[in-house]
C-alpha atoms as a PDB file:
ATOM      1  CA  GLU A   1    -158.024 -68.065 110.040  1.00  0.00           C
ATOM      2  CA  ASP A   2    -160.633 -70.935 109.477  1.00  0.00           C
ATOM      3  CA  PHE A   3    -162.585 -70.644 106.278  1.00  0.00           C
ATOM      4  CA  TYR A   4    -166.382 -71.977 105.975  1.00  0.00           C
ATOM      5  CA  SER A   5    -168.749 -72.984 103.286  1.00  0.00           C
ATOM      6  CA  ARG A   6    -170.964 -70.362 101.843  1.00  0.00           C
ATOM      7  CA  ASN A   7    -168.729 -67.512 103.196  1.00  0.00           C
ATOM      8  CA  PRO A   8    -166.408 -65.514 101.033  1.00  0.00           C
ATOM      9  CA  ILE A   9    -162.769 -65.919 101.184  1.00  0.00           C
ATOM     10  CA  SER A  10    -160.278 -63.113 101.051  1.00  0.00           C
ATOM     11  CA  LEU A  11    -156.807 -63.564 100.069  1.00  0.00           C
ATOM     12  CA  GLU A  12    -154.000 -61.057  99.910  1.00  0.00           C
ATOM     13  CA  ILE A  13    -150.302 -61.506  98.506  1.00  0.00           C
ATOM     14  CA  ILE A  14    -147.263 -59.407  98.400  1.00  0.00           C
ATOM     15  CA  VAL A  15    -145.859 -59.338  94.967  1.00  0.00           C
ATOM     16  CA  THR A  16    -142.375 -57.574  94.179  1.00  0.00           C
ATOM     17  CA  ASP A  17    -140.278 -57.460  91.040  1.00  0.00           C
ATOM     18  CA  ARG A  18    -137.524 -55.185  89.702  1.00  0.00           C
ATOM     19  CA  ASN A  19    -140.013 -54.099  87.253  1.00  0.00           C
ATOM     20  CA  SER A  20    -143.639 -52.668  87.520  1.00  0.00           C
ATOM     21  CA  ILE A  21    -146.242 -55.599  88.030  1.00  0.00           C
ATOM     22  CA  GLY A  22    -148.643 -55.857  85.129  1.00  0.00           C
ATOM     23  CA  ARG A  23    -151.123 -58.200  86.384  1.00  0.00           C
ATOM     24  CA  VAL A  24    -151.694 -60.567  89.281  1.00  0.00           C
ATOM     25  CA  SER A  25    -154.195 -63.497  89.306  1.00  0.00           C
ATOM     26  CA  LEU A  26    -155.472 -66.077  91.618  1.00  0.00           C
ATOM     27  CA  PHE A  27    -156.314 -69.574  90.218  1.00  0.00           C
ATOM     28  CA  TYR A  28    -158.389 -71.581  92.386  1.00  0.00           C
ATOM     29  CA  ARG A  29    -160.668 -74.763  92.386  1.00  0.00           C
ATOM     30  CA  MET A  30    -162.856 -76.552  94.993  1.00  0.00           C
ATOM     31  CA  GLU A  31    -162.110 -80.081  95.697  1.00  0.00           C
ATOM     32  CA  GLY A  32    -163.227 -82.470  92.987  1.00  0.00           C
ATOM     33  CA  ASN A  33    -163.232 -79.945  90.155  1.00  0.00           C
ATOM     34  CA  ILE A  34    -160.782 -80.384  87.195  1.00  0.00           C
ATOM     35  CA  GLU A  35    -160.586 -76.830  86.109  1.00  0.00           C
ATOM     36  CA  TYR A  36    -159.186 -73.911  87.820  1.00  0.00           C
ATOM     37  CA  LEU A  37    -161.141 -70.663  87.901  1.00  0.00           C
ATOM     38  CA  GLN A  38    -159.241 -67.332  87.536  1.00  0.00           C
ATOM     39  CA  ARG A  39    -159.741 -64.048  89.295  1.00  0.00           C
ATOM     40  CA  GLU A  40    -157.766 -60.840  88.784  1.00  0.00           C
ATOM     41  CA  MET A  41    -156.310 -59.440  91.788  1.00  0.00           C
ATOM     42  CA  GLN A  42    -156.504 -55.689  92.699  1.00  0.00           C
ATOM     43  CA  VAL A  43    -153.801 -53.486  93.942  1.00  0.00           C
ATOM     44  CA  SER A  44    -154.596 -52.865  97.818  1.00  0.00           C
ATOM     45  CA  TYR A  45    -153.382 -50.193 100.355  1.00  0.00           C
ATOM     46  CA  GLN A  46    -149.830 -50.518  99.151  1.00  0.00           C
ATOM     47  CA  PRO A  47    -148.612 -50.866  95.630  1.00  0.00           C
ATOM     48  CA  VAL A  48    -146.785 -54.421  96.354  1.00  0.00           C
ATOM     49  CA  ILE A  49    -149.889 -55.752  98.037  1.00  0.00           C
ATOM     50  CA  PHE A  50    -152.691 -57.432  95.991  1.00  0.00           C
ATOM     51  CA  ASN A  51    -155.959 -58.859  97.243  1.00  0.00           C
ATOM     52  CA  VAL A  52    -159.073 -60.782  95.974  1.00  0.00           C
ATOM     53  CA  GLU A  53    -162.283 -62.164  97.258  1.00  0.00           C
ATOM     54  CA  ILE A  54    -163.738 -65.664  96.203  1.00  0.00           C
ATOM     55  CA  PRO A  55    -167.625 -65.006  96.394  1.00  0.00           C
ATOM     56  CA  LEU A  56    -169.668 -67.056  99.037  1.00  0.00           C
ATOM     57  CA  ASP A  57    -171.616 -68.913  96.242  1.00  0.00           C
ATOM     58  CA  GLU A  58    -168.483 -70.506  95.059  1.00  0.00           C
ATOM     59  CA  VAL A  59    -167.285 -71.648  98.446  1.00  0.00           C
ATOM     60  CA  GLU A  60    -168.090 -75.378  99.385  1.00  0.00           C
ATOM     61  CA  SER A  61    -166.847 -77.588 102.083  1.00  0.00           C
ATOM     62  CA  GLY A  62    -163.948 -79.633 101.516  1.00  0.00           C
ATOM     63  CA  SER A  63    -160.686 -77.981 100.160  1.00  0.00           C
ATOM     64  CA  LEU A  64    -159.687 -75.234  97.993  1.00  0.00           C
ATOM     65  CA  GLN A  65    -156.715 -75.449  95.938  1.00  0.00           C
ATOM     66  CA  TYR A  66    -155.102 -72.259  94.851  1.00  0.00           C
ATOM     67  CA  PHE A  67    -152.005 -70.790  93.538  1.00  0.00           C
ATOM     68  CA  PHE A  68    -150.986 -67.127  92.426  1.00  0.00           C
ATOM     69  CA  TRP A  69    -149.639 -66.070  88.904  1.00  0.00           C
ATOM     70  CA  ALA A  70    -148.096 -62.542  88.287  1.00  0.00           C
ATOM     71  CA  LYS A  71    -146.637 -60.999  85.135  1.00  0.00           C
ATOM     72  CA  ASP A  72    -144.521 -57.734  85.052  1.00  0.00           C
ATOM     73  CA  ILE A  73    -144.759 -55.214  82.417  1.00  0.00           C
ATOM     74  CA  TYR A  74    -142.144 -57.012  80.014  1.00  0.00           C
ATOM     75  CA  GLY A  75    -143.999 -60.277  80.226  1.00  0.00           C
ATOM     76  CA  ASN A  76    -142.025 -62.125  82.671  1.00  0.00           C
ATOM     77  CA  GLU A  77    -144.210 -64.573  84.556  1.00  0.00           C
ATOM     78  CA  ALA A  78    -143.943 -66.244  87.959  1.00  0.00           C
ATOM     79  CA  THR A  79    -146.191 -68.449  89.980  1.00  0.00           C
ATOM     80  CA  TRP A  80    -146.479 -68.868  93.873  1.00  0.00           C
ATOM     81  CA  PRO A  81    -145.910 -71.578  94.908  1.00  0.00           C
ATOM     82  CA  ASP A  82    -143.357 -72.471  92.390  1.00  0.00           C
ATOM     83  CA  GLY A  83    -145.244 -75.493  91.166  1.00  0.00           C
ATOM     84  CA  GLY A  84    -148.366 -73.591  90.215  1.00  0.00           C
ATOM     85  CA  GLU A  85    -151.178 -75.805  89.260  1.00  0.00           C
ATOM     86  CA  ASP A  86    -149.185 -78.926  89.837  1.00  0.00           C
ATOM     87  CA  LEU A  87    -148.395 -78.245  93.472  1.00  0.00           C
ATOM     88  CA  PRO A  88    -151.257 -75.655  94.712  1.00  0.00           C
ATOM     89  CA  MET A  89    -151.644 -74.484  98.134  1.00  0.00           C
ATOM     90  CA  VAL A  90    -154.405 -76.440  99.823  1.00  0.00           C
ATOM     91  CA  LEU A  91    -157.092 -74.918 102.497  1.00  0.00           C
ATOM     92  CA  PRO A  92    -159.601 -76.789 104.343  1.00  0.00           C
ATOM     93  CA  ILE A  93    -163.137 -75.503 104.014  1.00  0.00           C
ATOM     94  CA  TYR A  94    -165.141 -76.306 107.053  1.00  0.00           C
ATOM     95  CA  PRO A  95    -169.013 -77.012 106.724  1.00  0.00           C
ATOM     96  CA  GLU A  96    -171.298 -73.793 106.905  1.00  0.00           C
ATOM     97  CA  LYS A  97    -170.589 -72.081 110.027  1.00  0.00           C
ATOM     98  CA  ARG A  98    -173.802 -71.854 112.203  1.00  0.00           C
ATOM     99  CA  GLU A  99    -174.317 -68.946 114.387  1.00  0.00           C
ATOM    100  CA  LYS A 100    -174.923 -69.940 118.272  1.00  0.00           C
ATOM    101  CA  VAL A 101    -178.548 -69.166 119.466  1.00  0.00           C
ATOM    102  CA  LYS A 102    -178.870 -68.233 122.919  1.00  0.00           C
ATOM    103  CA  SER A 103    -181.871 -69.645 124.786  1.00  0.00           C
ATOM    104  CA  VAL A 104    -183.816 -67.608 127.024  1.00  0.00           C
ATOM    105  CA  LYS A 105    -185.329 -69.129 130.103  1.00  0.00           C
ATOM    106  CA  GLY A 106    -188.297 -67.313 131.564  1.00  0.00           C
END
C-alpha cells in the first residue's frame, strides 16, 4: 500500500504472549523530527490484533519512522522491530495524492 501526505495512516499488528497483553503502543515520527510521538493501540476484531490510526494532519511527505511497543500484565516489555527507536521501520510518504479530473468535451 502507498501512503500519501495529508491522508491518515492505519497500522495493524498481531501481538502474542503467554500472558495477557496489558498495553500496545505505536511510536512514530516524521522525517526530520527528533522526538517520537506515541499512540495507544486498540484491540481489533480479534484479541491478538491491535490497530491505530495516525491522523491526516500529522502525515507529511518524506518518510515515517515507527516501531511498536507492548507490555504484558506482568510488566514484561518488547518492541518490534527489536531495535525499537534505534532501528525503526521506515515507510515512504508520497506528496499529497491528487484526484484525477476528467475533462468533458462538448
